[in-house]
């Protein structure tokens, strides 16, 4: 096979100095990122609050596993999803994130660590903003996770039907104490519902288990 003379001529004019400089910058950035992650992995106190990371829907488990793999303290409580039937066969329910679009993380609360979390794939933002993040009390998170592990939020757990309900109180999870508008779901008394809360003067829709809600 005869080499293409045009390609040989192009290769002869490659500025190796610039290539090495780009490689050096890449290696330096990689080193800086590694050091930043190691710093974010330093544990905060057990009574320290948790940050709420807004993540791409469907990527909650990926973000949790990614942060856990570099020893960043992270939590994404799970619940059992619905029982399914396919071609006359019942399919066992699978574990699903309780919080759709959110993952909890705990770091020493400095700007550098928050910026490091934002650098992970599929992390969209920190709830509340970079300068004044929304923080969740450690005790509330502990109780929330314990209830999730007990199955209190599972899809099949019966709840009161929400027929005709327009407003609800969120009594569980990271938004406990917020009032919300019930947008959809709840009429069958099990599963999840779509609600909308006002957060930072902005309407914020979210999908939550019915077990989170009390009619108003």
N, C-alpha and C. Protein backbone atom coordinates (compact mmCIF):
# COMPACT_ATOMS: atom_id res chain seq x y z
N UNK A 1 0.85 -1.20 0.00
CA UNK A 1 0.00 0.00 0.00
C UNK A 1 0.89 1.24 0.00
N UNK A 2 0.72 2.12 -0.99
CA UNK A 2 1.53 3.32 -1.12
C UNK A 2 0.98 4.42 -0.22
N UNK A 3 1.87 5.04 0.56
CA UNK A 3 1.43 6.10 1.47
C UNK A 3 0.99 7.32 0.68
N UNK A 4 -0.02 8.01 1.15
CA UNK A 4 -0.53 9.22 0.53
C UNK A 4 0.48 10.34 0.79
N UNK A 5 1.07 10.89 -0.29
CA UNK A 5 2.10 11.91 -0.14
C UNK A 5 1.56 13.15 0.56
N UNK A 6 0.27 13.46 0.31
CA UNK A 6 -0.34 14.64 0.94
C UNK A 6 -0.36 14.48 2.47
N UNK A 7 -0.69 13.28 2.94
CA UNK A 7 -0.72 13.03 4.38
C UNK A 7 0.68 13.09 4.98
N UNK A 8 1.65 12.60 4.22
CA UNK A 8 3.04 12.65 4.71
C UNK A 8 3.50 14.09 4.86
N UNK A 9 3.13 14.92 3.87
CA UNK A 9 3.51 16.33 3.93
C UNK A 9 2.85 17.04 5.11
N UNK A 10 1.56 16.69 5.38
CA UNK A 10 0.86 17.29 6.51
C UNK A 10 1.51 16.90 7.83
N UNK A 11 1.88 15.63 7.94
CA UNK A 11 2.52 15.15 9.17
C UNK A 11 3.85 15.85 9.41
N UNK A 12 4.54 16.18 8.33
CA UNK A 12 5.84 16.83 8.48
C UNK A 12 5.70 18.23 9.05
N UNK A 13 4.51 18.82 8.89
CA UNK A 13 4.31 20.19 9.36
C UNK A 13 3.61 20.26 10.71
N UNK A 14 3.38 19.12 11.37
CA UNK A 14 2.75 19.13 12.69
C UNK A 14 3.70 19.76 13.70
N UNK A 15 3.17 20.71 14.45
CA UNK A 15 3.96 21.38 15.48
C UNK A 15 3.94 20.52 16.74
N UNK A 16 5.00 19.74 16.95
CA UNK A 16 5.05 18.85 18.10
C UNK A 16 5.08 19.62 19.41
N UNK A 17 5.62 20.82 19.39
CA UNK A 17 5.67 21.63 20.61
C UNK A 17 4.26 21.92 21.10
N UNK A 18 3.35 22.27 20.18
CA UNK A 18 1.97 22.54 20.56
C UNK A 18 1.28 21.27 21.04
N UNK A 19 1.58 20.14 20.40
CA UNK A 19 0.99 18.87 20.83
C UNK A 19 1.39 18.54 22.26
N UNK A 20 2.68 18.71 22.56
CA UNK A 20 3.16 18.42 23.91
C UNK A 20 2.54 19.38 24.92
N UNK A 21 2.34 20.64 24.51
CA UNK A 21 1.75 21.62 25.42
C UNK A 21 0.30 21.24 25.74
N UNK A 22 -0.44 20.77 24.73
CA UNK A 22 -1.82 20.34 24.96
C UNK A 22 -1.85 19.12 25.88
N UNK A 23 -0.92 18.20 25.67
CA UNK A 23 -0.85 17.01 26.51
C UNK A 23 -0.53 17.39 27.95
N UNK A 24 0.38 18.34 28.12
CA UNK A 24 0.73 18.79 29.46
C UNK A 24 -0.47 19.41 30.17
N UNK A 25 -1.25 20.24 29.41
CA UNK A 25 -2.43 20.87 30.00
C UNK A 25 -3.47 19.81 30.38
N UNK A 26 -3.62 18.81 29.52
CA UNK A 26 -4.57 17.74 29.80
C UNK A 26 -4.17 16.98 31.06
N UNK A 27 -2.90 16.65 31.19
CA UNK A 27 -2.44 15.90 32.35
C UNK A 27 -2.56 16.75 33.62
N UNK A 28 -2.29 18.05 33.50
CA UNK A 28 -2.39 18.93 34.65
C UNK A 28 -3.83 19.07 35.10
N UNK A 29 -4.78 19.17 34.15
CA UNK A 29 -6.19 19.26 34.49
C UNK A 29 -6.68 17.97 35.12
N UNK A 30 -6.20 16.86 34.61
CA UNK A 30 -6.58 15.57 35.18
C UNK A 30 -6.07 15.44 36.61
N UNK A 31 -4.86 15.89 36.84
CA UNK A 31 -4.29 15.86 38.19
C UNK A 31 -5.08 16.77 39.13
N UNK A 32 -5.45 17.96 38.65
CA UNK A 32 -6.21 18.91 39.47
C UNK A 32 -7.57 18.33 39.82
N UNK A 33 -8.23 17.70 38.83
CA UNK A 33 -9.55 17.12 39.06
C UNK A 33 -9.48 15.98 40.08
N UNK A 34 -8.42 15.17 39.97
CA UNK A 34 -8.27 14.06 40.92
C UNK A 34 -8.09 14.59 42.34
N UNK A 35 -7.30 15.64 42.49
CA UNK A 35 -7.08 16.22 43.81
C UNK A 35 -8.37 16.83 44.37
N UNK A 36 -9.17 17.46 43.49
CA UNK A 36 -10.43 18.06 43.93
C UNK A 36 -11.41 16.98 44.41
N UNK A 37 -11.46 15.86 43.70
CA UNK A 37 -12.35 14.77 44.10
C UNK A 37 -11.92 14.17 45.43
N UNK A 38 -10.61 14.01 45.61
CA UNK A 38 -10.11 13.49 46.88
C UNK A 38 -10.47 14.42 48.03
N UNK A 39 -10.47 15.72 47.77
CA UNK A 39 -10.85 16.69 48.80
C UNK A 39 -12.34 16.59 49.11
N UNK A 40 -13.16 16.41 48.06
CA UNK A 40 -14.61 16.29 48.26
C UNK A 40 -14.97 15.00 48.99
N UNK A 41 -14.09 14.01 48.92
CA UNK A 41 -14.35 12.72 49.56
C UNK A 41 -14.06 12.74 51.07
N UNK A 42 -13.45 13.81 51.56
CA UNK A 42 -13.21 13.93 53.01
C UNK A 42 -14.56 14.05 53.71
N UNK A 43 -14.82 13.17 54.66
CA UNK A 43 -16.13 13.10 55.29
C UNK A 43 -16.43 14.32 56.16
N UNK A 44 -17.67 14.80 56.02
CA UNK A 44 -18.18 15.82 56.93
C UNK A 44 -18.68 15.11 58.18
N UNK A 45 -19.05 15.86 59.21
CA UNK A 45 -19.54 15.26 60.44
C UNK A 45 -20.88 14.57 60.24
N UNK A 46 -21.18 13.60 61.10
CA UNK A 46 -22.42 12.85 60.98
C UNK A 46 -23.66 13.72 61.13
N UNK A 47 -23.51 14.86 61.79
CA UNK A 47 -24.65 15.76 61.95
C UNK A 47 -24.68 16.87 60.91
N UNK A 48 -23.79 16.79 59.92
CA UNK A 48 -23.73 17.80 58.87
C UNK A 48 -24.91 17.63 57.91
N UNK A 49 -25.40 18.72 57.34
CA UNK A 49 -26.54 18.63 56.41
C UNK A 49 -26.13 18.07 55.06
N UNK A 50 -27.13 17.71 54.28
CA UNK A 50 -26.92 17.14 52.95
C UNK A 50 -27.30 18.14 51.87
N UNK A 51 -26.54 18.13 50.78
CA UNK A 51 -26.89 18.88 49.58
C UNK A 51 -27.84 18.06 48.73
N UNK A 52 -28.63 18.74 47.93
CA UNK A 52 -29.52 18.06 46.98
C UNK A 52 -29.02 18.36 45.57
N UNK A 53 -28.58 17.33 44.88
CA UNK A 53 -28.11 17.48 43.51
C UNK A 53 -29.28 17.20 42.56
N UNK A 54 -29.51 18.12 41.65
CA UNK A 54 -30.51 17.86 40.60
C UNK A 54 -29.78 17.16 39.46
N UNK A 55 -30.29 15.99 39.08
CA UNK A 55 -29.62 15.17 38.08
C UNK A 55 -30.58 14.85 36.95
N UNK A 56 -30.04 14.35 35.86
CA UNK A 56 -30.88 13.97 34.73
C UNK A 56 -31.80 12.82 35.15
N UNK A 57 -33.08 12.94 34.80
CA UNK A 57 -34.04 11.90 35.14
C UNK A 57 -33.61 10.57 34.52
N UNK A 58 -33.63 9.54 35.34
CA UNK A 58 -33.19 8.23 34.89
C UNK A 58 -31.73 7.95 35.15
N UNK A 59 -31.00 8.98 35.59
CA UNK A 59 -29.56 8.83 35.86
C UNK A 59 -29.24 8.88 37.35
N UNK A 60 -30.28 8.78 38.19
CA UNK A 60 -30.06 8.88 39.64
C UNK A 60 -29.09 7.80 40.13
N UNK A 61 -29.32 6.56 39.69
CA UNK A 61 -28.46 5.45 40.14
C UNK A 61 -27.05 5.61 39.60
N UNK A 62 -26.92 6.06 38.36
CA UNK A 62 -25.60 6.26 37.77
C UNK A 62 -24.79 7.29 38.54
N UNK A 63 -25.45 8.41 38.89
CA UNK A 63 -24.76 9.45 39.64
C UNK A 63 -24.38 8.93 41.03
N UNK A 64 -25.32 8.24 41.68
CA UNK A 64 -25.01 7.67 43.00
C UNK A 64 -23.80 6.75 42.94
N UNK A 65 -23.78 5.85 41.98
CA UNK A 65 -22.68 4.88 41.87
C UNK A 65 -21.36 5.57 41.52
N UNK A 66 -21.44 6.61 40.68
CA UNK A 66 -20.24 7.32 40.29
C UNK A 66 -19.60 8.03 41.48
N UNK A 67 -20.44 8.71 42.28
CA UNK A 67 -19.92 9.41 43.45
C UNK A 67 -19.40 8.42 44.49
N UNK A 68 -20.13 7.32 44.69
CA UNK A 68 -19.70 6.32 45.66
C UNK A 68 -18.37 5.70 45.26
N UNK A 69 -18.13 5.56 43.96
CA UNK A 69 -16.90 4.91 43.49
C UNK A 69 -15.65 5.73 43.81
N UNK A 70 -15.83 7.04 44.05
CA UNK A 70 -14.68 7.88 44.42
C UNK A 70 -14.79 8.32 45.88
N UNK A 71 -15.62 7.59 46.64
CA UNK A 71 -15.74 7.77 48.10
C UNK A 71 -16.39 9.07 48.53
N UNK A 72 -17.13 9.73 47.64
CA UNK A 72 -17.94 10.87 48.04
C UNK A 72 -19.20 10.34 48.71
N UNK A 73 -19.58 10.90 49.85
CA UNK A 73 -20.76 10.41 50.58
C UNK A 73 -22.02 10.78 49.80
N UNK A 74 -22.81 9.78 49.47
CA UNK A 74 -23.95 9.98 48.59
C UNK A 74 -25.08 9.07 49.03
N UNK A 75 -26.30 9.49 48.74
CA UNK A 75 -27.47 8.71 49.13
C UNK A 75 -28.58 8.91 48.12
N UNK A 76 -29.17 7.80 47.69
CA UNK A 76 -30.34 7.83 46.82
C UNK A 76 -31.28 6.73 47.29
N UNK A 77 -32.15 7.05 48.27
CA UNK A 77 -33.07 6.03 48.81
C UNK A 77 -33.90 5.38 47.70
N UNK A 78 -34.19 4.09 47.87
CA UNK A 78 -34.94 3.38 46.85
C UNK A 78 -36.25 2.83 47.40
N UNK A 79 -37.14 2.54 46.50
CA UNK A 79 -38.42 1.90 46.81
C UNK A 79 -38.67 0.81 45.78
N UNK A 80 -39.58 -0.09 46.07
CA UNK A 80 -39.95 -1.10 45.10
C UNK A 80 -41.01 -0.53 44.15
N UNK A 81 -40.80 -0.74 42.88
CA UNK A 81 -41.72 -0.24 41.87
C UNK A 81 -42.97 -1.10 41.76
N UNK A 82 -43.77 -0.87 40.75
CA UNK A 82 -45.04 -1.60 40.61
C UNK A 82 -44.83 -3.04 40.14
N UNK A 83 -45.80 -3.90 40.49
CA UNK A 83 -45.84 -5.24 39.92
C UNK A 83 -46.35 -5.12 38.48
N UNK A 84 -45.72 -5.86 37.60
CA UNK A 84 -46.10 -5.79 36.19
C UNK A 84 -46.57 -7.16 35.70
N UNK A 85 -47.42 -7.13 34.72
CA UNK A 85 -47.85 -8.38 34.09
C UNK A 85 -47.55 -8.28 32.60
N UNK A 86 -46.91 -9.32 32.09
CA UNK A 86 -46.56 -9.34 30.68
C UNK A 86 -46.83 -10.73 30.12
N UNK A 87 -47.69 -10.78 29.12
CA UNK A 87 -48.07 -12.04 28.49
C UNK A 87 -48.57 -13.05 29.54
N UNK A 88 -49.38 -12.54 30.48
CA UNK A 88 -49.99 -13.40 31.48
C UNK A 88 -49.08 -13.76 32.64
N UNK A 89 -47.84 -13.27 32.63
CA UNK A 89 -46.90 -13.58 33.71
C UNK A 89 -46.67 -12.35 34.57
N UNK A 90 -46.59 -12.57 35.87
CA UNK A 90 -46.30 -11.46 36.78
C UNK A 90 -44.80 -11.27 36.89
N UNK A 91 -44.37 -10.02 36.71
CA UNK A 91 -42.95 -9.68 36.80
C UNK A 91 -42.70 -9.00 38.14
N UNK A 92 -41.75 -9.51 38.86
CA UNK A 92 -41.46 -8.99 40.20
C UNK A 92 -41.08 -7.51 40.13
N UNK A 93 -41.49 -6.73 41.12
CA UNK A 93 -41.13 -5.30 41.13
C UNK A 93 -39.63 -5.10 41.30
N UNK A 94 -39.14 -4.01 40.75
CA UNK A 94 -37.71 -3.69 40.84
C UNK A 94 -37.51 -2.43 41.70
N UNK A 95 -36.32 -2.35 42.28
CA UNK A 95 -35.98 -1.18 43.08
C UNK A 95 -35.86 0.05 42.18
N UNK A 96 -36.42 1.16 42.64
CA UNK A 96 -36.37 2.42 41.91
C UNK A 96 -36.00 3.54 42.88
N UNK A 97 -35.40 4.62 42.38
CA UNK A 97 -35.13 5.75 43.26
C UNK A 97 -36.42 6.34 43.81
N UNK A 98 -36.45 6.67 45.08
CA UNK A 98 -37.60 7.36 45.65
C UNK A 98 -37.70 8.77 45.08
N UNK A 99 -36.56 9.43 44.95
CA UNK A 99 -36.52 10.81 44.47
C UNK A 99 -36.17 10.80 42.99
N UNK A 100 -37.11 11.16 42.15
CA UNK A 100 -36.87 11.22 40.71
C UNK A 100 -36.19 12.55 40.38
N UNK A 101 -35.01 12.46 39.81
CA UNK A 101 -34.30 13.67 39.41
C UNK A 101 -33.44 14.30 40.49
N UNK A 102 -33.29 13.63 41.64
CA UNK A 102 -32.49 14.19 42.73
C UNK A 102 -31.64 13.11 43.39
N UNK A 103 -30.46 13.51 43.86
CA UNK A 103 -29.57 12.64 44.62
C UNK A 103 -29.00 13.48 45.77
N UNK A 104 -28.86 12.88 46.93
CA UNK A 104 -28.29 13.57 48.09
C UNK A 104 -26.78 13.33 48.16
N UNK A 105 -26.04 14.37 48.49
CA UNK A 105 -24.59 14.24 48.68
C UNK A 105 -24.18 15.07 49.89
N UNK A 106 -23.15 14.60 50.60
CA UNK A 106 -22.68 15.34 51.78
C UNK A 106 -21.17 15.51 51.67
N UNK A 107 -20.74 16.76 51.71
CA UNK A 107 -19.32 17.12 51.66
C UNK A 107 -19.07 18.22 52.68
N UNK A 108 -17.81 18.47 52.95
CA UNK A 108 -17.46 19.65 53.74
C UNK A 108 -17.91 20.86 52.92
N UNK A 109 -18.68 21.74 53.54
CA UNK A 109 -19.42 22.76 52.80
C UNK A 109 -18.54 23.95 52.43
N UNK A 110 -17.76 23.78 51.37
CA UNK A 110 -16.97 24.88 50.79
C UNK A 110 -17.26 24.92 49.30
N UNK A 111 -17.08 26.09 48.69
CA UNK A 111 -17.42 26.26 47.28
C UNK A 111 -16.69 25.29 46.37
N UNK A 112 -15.43 25.01 46.70
CA UNK A 112 -14.63 24.13 45.86
C UNK A 112 -15.26 22.73 45.77
N UNK A 113 -15.74 22.24 46.91
CA UNK A 113 -16.34 20.90 46.91
C UNK A 113 -17.66 20.88 46.12
N UNK A 114 -18.45 21.94 46.26
CA UNK A 114 -19.70 22.01 45.50
C UNK A 114 -19.41 22.05 44.00
N UNK A 115 -18.40 22.82 43.61
CA UNK A 115 -18.01 22.89 42.21
C UNK A 115 -17.55 21.52 41.70
N UNK A 116 -16.88 20.76 42.55
CA UNK A 116 -16.44 19.42 42.16
C UNK A 116 -17.63 18.51 41.87
N UNK A 117 -18.66 18.58 42.71
CA UNK A 117 -19.86 17.77 42.48
C UNK A 117 -20.52 18.11 41.15
N UNK A 118 -20.51 19.39 40.82
CA UNK A 118 -21.14 19.83 39.57
C UNK A 118 -20.38 19.34 38.34
N UNK A 119 -19.14 18.90 38.54
CA UNK A 119 -18.34 18.42 37.42
C UNK A 119 -18.61 16.99 37.02
N UNK A 120 -19.44 16.27 37.79
CA UNK A 120 -19.72 14.88 37.46
C UNK A 120 -20.79 14.79 36.36
N UNK A 121 -20.66 13.75 35.55
CA UNK A 121 -21.62 13.54 34.47
C UNK A 121 -23.04 13.43 35.02
N UNK A 122 -23.98 14.00 34.29
CA UNK A 122 -25.42 13.92 34.55
C UNK A 122 -25.87 14.76 35.75
N UNK A 123 -24.96 15.46 36.42
CA UNK A 123 -25.34 16.39 37.49
C UNK A 123 -25.65 17.73 36.84
N UNK A 124 -26.88 18.21 37.04
CA UNK A 124 -27.31 19.44 36.39
C UNK A 124 -27.01 20.67 37.24
N UNK A 125 -27.33 20.58 38.53
CA UNK A 125 -27.15 21.74 39.40
C UNK A 125 -27.27 21.31 40.86
N UNK A 126 -26.96 22.24 41.73
CA UNK A 126 -27.21 22.07 43.16
C UNK A 126 -28.49 22.82 43.48
N UNK A 127 -29.44 22.15 44.10
CA UNK A 127 -30.73 22.77 44.39
C UNK A 127 -30.53 23.98 45.30
N UNK A 128 -31.14 25.10 44.91
CA UNK A 128 -31.01 26.33 45.67
C UNK A 128 -29.93 27.25 45.16
N UNK A 129 -29.06 26.71 44.31
CA UNK A 129 -28.00 27.54 43.74
C UNK A 129 -26.66 27.33 44.42
N UNK A 130 -25.65 27.77 43.74
CA UNK A 130 -24.27 27.58 44.17
C UNK A 130 -23.96 28.32 45.47
N UNK A 131 -24.46 29.55 45.58
CA UNK A 131 -24.10 30.38 46.73
C UNK A 131 -24.93 30.09 47.97
N UNK A 132 -26.23 29.74 47.78
CA UNK A 132 -27.11 29.43 48.91
C UNK A 132 -27.82 28.11 48.66
N UNK A 133 -27.08 27.01 48.72
CA UNK A 133 -27.71 25.72 48.41
C UNK A 133 -28.76 25.34 49.44
N UNK A 134 -29.77 24.62 48.98
CA UNK A 134 -30.81 24.09 49.87
C UNK A 134 -30.21 22.91 50.62
N UNK A 135 -30.24 22.97 51.96
CA UNK A 135 -29.63 21.94 52.79
C UNK A 135 -30.70 21.18 53.55
N UNK A 136 -30.50 19.87 53.66
CA UNK A 136 -31.45 19.01 54.36
C UNK A 136 -30.82 18.50 55.63
N UNK A 137 -31.52 18.69 56.75
CA UNK A 137 -31.04 18.27 58.06
C UNK A 137 -30.67 16.79 58.07
N UNK A 138 -29.54 16.47 58.72
CA UNK A 138 -29.04 15.10 58.74
C UNK A 138 -30.04 14.13 59.37
N UNK A 139 -30.70 14.54 60.44
CA UNK A 139 -31.66 13.67 61.10
C UNK A 139 -32.85 13.37 60.19
N UNK A 140 -33.30 14.39 59.44
CA UNK A 140 -34.41 14.17 58.52
C UNK A 140 -34.01 13.17 57.43
N UNK A 141 -32.80 13.30 56.92
CA UNK A 141 -32.34 12.37 55.89
C UNK A 141 -32.25 10.95 56.44
N UNK A 142 -31.75 10.82 57.66
CA UNK A 142 -31.63 9.50 58.29
C UNK A 142 -33.00 8.83 58.41
N UNK A 143 -33.98 9.56 58.93
CA UNK A 143 -35.33 9.01 59.10
C UNK A 143 -35.96 8.69 57.74
N UNK A 144 -35.76 9.55 56.78
CA UNK A 144 -36.27 9.35 55.43
C UNK A 144 -35.72 8.06 54.84
N UNK A 145 -34.42 7.86 54.97
CA UNK A 145 -33.79 6.66 54.42
C UNK A 145 -34.26 5.39 55.15
N UNK A 146 -34.43 5.49 56.46
CA UNK A 146 -34.90 4.34 57.23
C UNK A 146 -36.30 3.92 56.78
N UNK A 147 -37.17 4.90 56.54
CA UNK A 147 -38.53 4.58 56.07
C UNK A 147 -38.50 3.96 54.67
N UNK A 148 -37.60 4.45 53.84
CA UNK A 148 -37.47 3.88 52.50
C UNK A 148 -37.03 2.43 52.58
N UNK A 149 -36.06 2.15 53.45
CA UNK A 149 -35.56 0.78 53.60
C UNK A 149 -36.63 -0.15 54.15
N UNK A 150 -37.55 0.38 54.96
CA UNK A 150 -38.64 -0.44 55.51
C UNK A 150 -39.75 -0.68 54.48
N UNK A 151 -39.71 0.04 53.37
CA UNK A 151 -40.72 -0.14 52.34
C UNK A 151 -41.92 0.78 52.47
N UNK A 152 -41.81 1.81 53.30
CA UNK A 152 -42.95 2.71 53.51
C UNK A 152 -43.38 3.44 52.25
N UNK A 153 -42.47 3.59 51.27
CA UNK A 153 -42.78 4.36 50.07
C UNK A 153 -42.97 3.48 48.83
N UNK A 154 -43.01 2.16 49.03
CA UNK A 154 -43.15 1.25 47.88
C UNK A 154 -44.43 1.53 47.10
N UNK A 155 -44.39 1.23 45.82
CA UNK A 155 -45.49 1.55 44.92
C UNK A 155 -46.82 0.93 45.38
N UNK A 156 -46.76 -0.30 45.89
CA UNK A 156 -47.99 -1.02 46.20
C UNK A 156 -48.55 -0.71 47.59
N UNK A 157 -47.86 0.11 48.37
CA UNK A 157 -48.36 0.45 49.70
C UNK A 157 -49.61 1.30 49.55
N UNK A 158 -50.77 0.85 50.06
CA UNK A 158 -52.02 1.60 49.85
C UNK A 158 -52.03 2.92 50.61
N UNK A 159 -52.61 3.93 49.96
CA UNK A 159 -52.77 5.26 50.57
C UNK A 159 -54.22 5.69 50.36
N UNK A 160 -54.60 6.76 51.02
CA UNK A 160 -55.93 7.32 50.76
C UNK A 160 -55.99 7.82 49.32
N UNK A 161 -57.13 7.60 48.68
CA UNK A 161 -57.30 8.11 47.31
C UNK A 161 -57.36 9.63 47.34
N UNK A 162 -56.78 10.25 46.32
CA UNK A 162 -56.70 11.70 46.26
C UNK A 162 -57.66 12.26 45.22
N UNK A 163 -58.82 11.63 45.07
CA UNK A 163 -59.81 12.08 44.09
C UNK A 163 -60.31 13.48 44.46
N UNK A 164 -60.22 14.40 43.52
CA UNK A 164 -60.71 15.75 43.74
C UNK A 164 -59.79 16.64 44.55
N UNK A 165 -58.64 16.12 45.00
CA UNK A 165 -57.70 16.91 45.81
C UNK A 165 -56.89 17.83 44.91
N UNK A 166 -56.76 19.08 45.30
CA UNK A 166 -55.99 20.05 44.53
C UNK A 166 -54.68 20.46 45.21
N UNK A 167 -54.74 20.53 46.55
CA UNK A 167 -53.55 20.95 47.30
C UNK A 167 -53.17 19.85 48.29
N UNK A 168 -51.86 19.68 48.47
CA UNK A 168 -51.36 18.65 49.39
C UNK A 168 -50.22 19.22 50.22
N UNK A 169 -49.98 18.57 51.34
CA UNK A 169 -48.81 18.86 52.17
C UNK A 169 -47.82 17.73 51.98
N UNK A 170 -46.58 18.07 51.69
CA UNK A 170 -45.52 17.06 51.60
C UNK A 170 -45.01 16.83 53.02
N UNK A 171 -45.20 15.62 53.53
CA UNK A 171 -44.84 15.35 54.92
C UNK A 171 -43.63 14.45 55.07
N UNK A 172 -43.07 13.98 53.96
CA UNK A 172 -41.90 13.11 53.99
C UNK A 172 -40.87 13.58 52.98
N UNK A 173 -39.65 13.11 53.16
CA UNK A 173 -38.62 13.37 52.17
C UNK A 173 -37.94 14.72 52.34
N UNK A 174 -37.21 15.11 51.33
CA UNK A 174 -36.38 16.31 51.42
C UNK A 174 -37.18 17.60 51.37
N UNK A 175 -38.44 17.53 50.94
CA UNK A 175 -39.28 18.73 50.87
C UNK A 175 -40.39 18.71 51.91
N UNK A 176 -40.20 17.94 52.97
CA UNK A 176 -41.21 17.86 54.03
C UNK A 176 -41.52 19.26 54.56
N UNK A 177 -42.81 19.55 54.69
CA UNK A 177 -43.25 20.86 55.17
C UNK A 177 -43.72 21.78 54.06
N UNK A 178 -43.40 21.46 52.80
CA UNK A 178 -43.84 22.27 51.67
C UNK A 178 -45.29 21.94 51.32
N UNK A 179 -46.06 22.96 50.95
CA UNK A 179 -47.36 22.73 50.33
C UNK A 179 -47.17 22.68 48.83
N UNK A 180 -48.01 21.90 48.16
CA UNK A 180 -47.85 21.71 46.73
C UNK A 180 -49.20 21.59 46.05
N UNK A 181 -49.21 21.85 44.75
CA UNK A 181 -50.40 21.62 43.94
C UNK A 181 -50.32 20.21 43.37
N UNK A 182 -51.39 19.45 43.50
CA UNK A 182 -51.43 18.11 42.95
C UNK A 182 -51.78 18.20 41.46
N UNK A 183 -50.84 17.80 40.62
CA UNK A 183 -51.01 17.94 39.17
C UNK A 183 -51.66 16.70 38.56
N UNK A 184 -51.18 15.52 38.96
CA UNK A 184 -51.69 14.29 38.37
C UNK A 184 -51.42 13.11 39.29
N UNK A 185 -52.27 12.08 39.18
CA UNK A 185 -52.05 10.85 39.92
C UNK A 185 -52.75 10.85 41.26
N UNK A 186 -52.78 9.67 41.89
CA UNK A 186 -53.32 9.57 43.24
C UNK A 186 -54.71 9.03 43.32
N UNK A 187 -55.44 8.96 42.20
CA UNK A 187 -56.85 8.55 42.27
C UNK A 187 -57.02 7.08 42.65
N UNK A 188 -56.01 6.25 42.37
CA UNK A 188 -56.09 4.83 42.70
C UNK A 188 -55.60 4.51 44.11
N UNK A 189 -55.04 5.51 44.77
CA UNK A 189 -54.60 5.30 46.15
C UNK A 189 -53.33 4.50 46.29
N UNK A 190 -52.52 4.44 45.24
CA UNK A 190 -51.21 3.80 45.34
C UNK A 190 -50.30 4.36 44.26
N UNK A 191 -49.01 4.13 44.44
CA UNK A 191 -48.06 4.59 43.43
C UNK A 191 -47.53 5.98 43.69
N UNK A 192 -47.44 6.78 42.64
CA UNK A 192 -46.84 8.11 42.73
C UNK A 192 -47.79 9.16 42.19
N UNK A 193 -47.44 10.40 42.46
CA UNK A 193 -48.21 11.53 41.94
C UNK A 193 -47.23 12.60 41.48
N UNK A 194 -47.70 13.45 40.59
CA UNK A 194 -46.92 14.61 40.15
C UNK A 194 -47.44 15.83 40.90
N UNK A 195 -46.54 16.52 41.59
CA UNK A 195 -46.92 17.72 42.32
C UNK A 195 -46.03 18.88 41.86
N UNK A 196 -46.45 20.07 42.22
CA UNK A 196 -45.66 21.26 41.88
C UNK A 196 -45.55 22.13 43.12
N UNK A 197 -44.31 22.45 43.50
CA UNK A 197 -44.07 23.32 44.64
C UNK A 197 -43.45 24.62 44.14
N UNK A 198 -43.56 25.65 44.96
CA UNK A 198 -42.87 26.90 44.67
C UNK A 198 -41.54 26.86 45.40
N UNK A 199 -40.46 26.86 44.63
CA UNK A 199 -39.13 26.81 45.22
C UNK A 199 -38.30 27.94 44.64
N UNK A 200 -37.89 28.85 45.52
CA UNK A 200 -37.14 30.00 45.04
C UNK A 200 -37.93 30.84 44.06
N UNK A 201 -39.24 31.01 44.34
CA UNK A 201 -40.15 31.79 43.50
C UNK A 201 -40.35 31.19 42.11
N UNK A 202 -39.97 29.92 41.96
CA UNK A 202 -40.15 29.24 40.69
C UNK A 202 -40.99 27.98 40.91
N UNK A 203 -42.01 27.73 40.07
CA UNK A 203 -42.76 26.48 40.18
C UNK A 203 -41.88 25.30 39.80
N UNK A 204 -41.81 24.31 40.68
CA UNK A 204 -40.93 23.16 40.47
C UNK A 204 -41.75 21.88 40.49
N UNK A 205 -41.95 21.23 39.33
CA UNK A 205 -42.70 19.97 39.32
C UNK A 205 -41.82 18.81 39.74
N UNK A 206 -42.41 17.80 40.37
CA UNK A 206 -41.66 16.61 40.75
C UNK A 206 -42.61 15.44 40.92
N UNK A 207 -42.05 14.25 40.78
CA UNK A 207 -42.80 13.02 40.97
C UNK A 207 -42.44 12.44 42.32
N UNK A 208 -43.45 12.20 43.16
CA UNK A 208 -43.20 11.72 44.52
C UNK A 208 -44.15 10.57 44.85
N UNK A 209 -43.76 9.68 45.78
CA UNK A 209 -44.68 8.64 46.23
C UNK A 209 -45.90 9.26 46.93
N UNK A 210 -47.05 8.63 46.76
CA UNK A 210 -48.24 9.11 47.46
C UNK A 210 -48.04 9.13 48.97
N UNK A 211 -47.19 8.23 49.47
CA UNK A 211 -46.94 8.15 50.91
C UNK A 211 -46.30 9.43 51.44
N UNK A 212 -45.80 10.28 50.55
CA UNK A 212 -45.24 11.57 50.97
C UNK A 212 -46.33 12.59 51.31
N UNK A 213 -47.56 12.37 50.84
CA UNK A 213 -48.54 13.44 50.75
C UNK A 213 -49.71 13.30 51.72
N UNK A 214 -50.22 14.45 52.15
CA UNK A 214 -51.44 14.54 52.92
C UNK A 214 -52.36 15.56 52.24
N UNK A 215 -53.61 15.21 51.96
CA UNK A 215 -54.52 16.17 51.31
C UNK A 215 -54.76 17.39 52.20
N UNK A 216 -54.93 18.54 51.60
CA UNK A 216 -55.27 19.77 52.32
C UNK A 216 -56.69 20.19 51.97
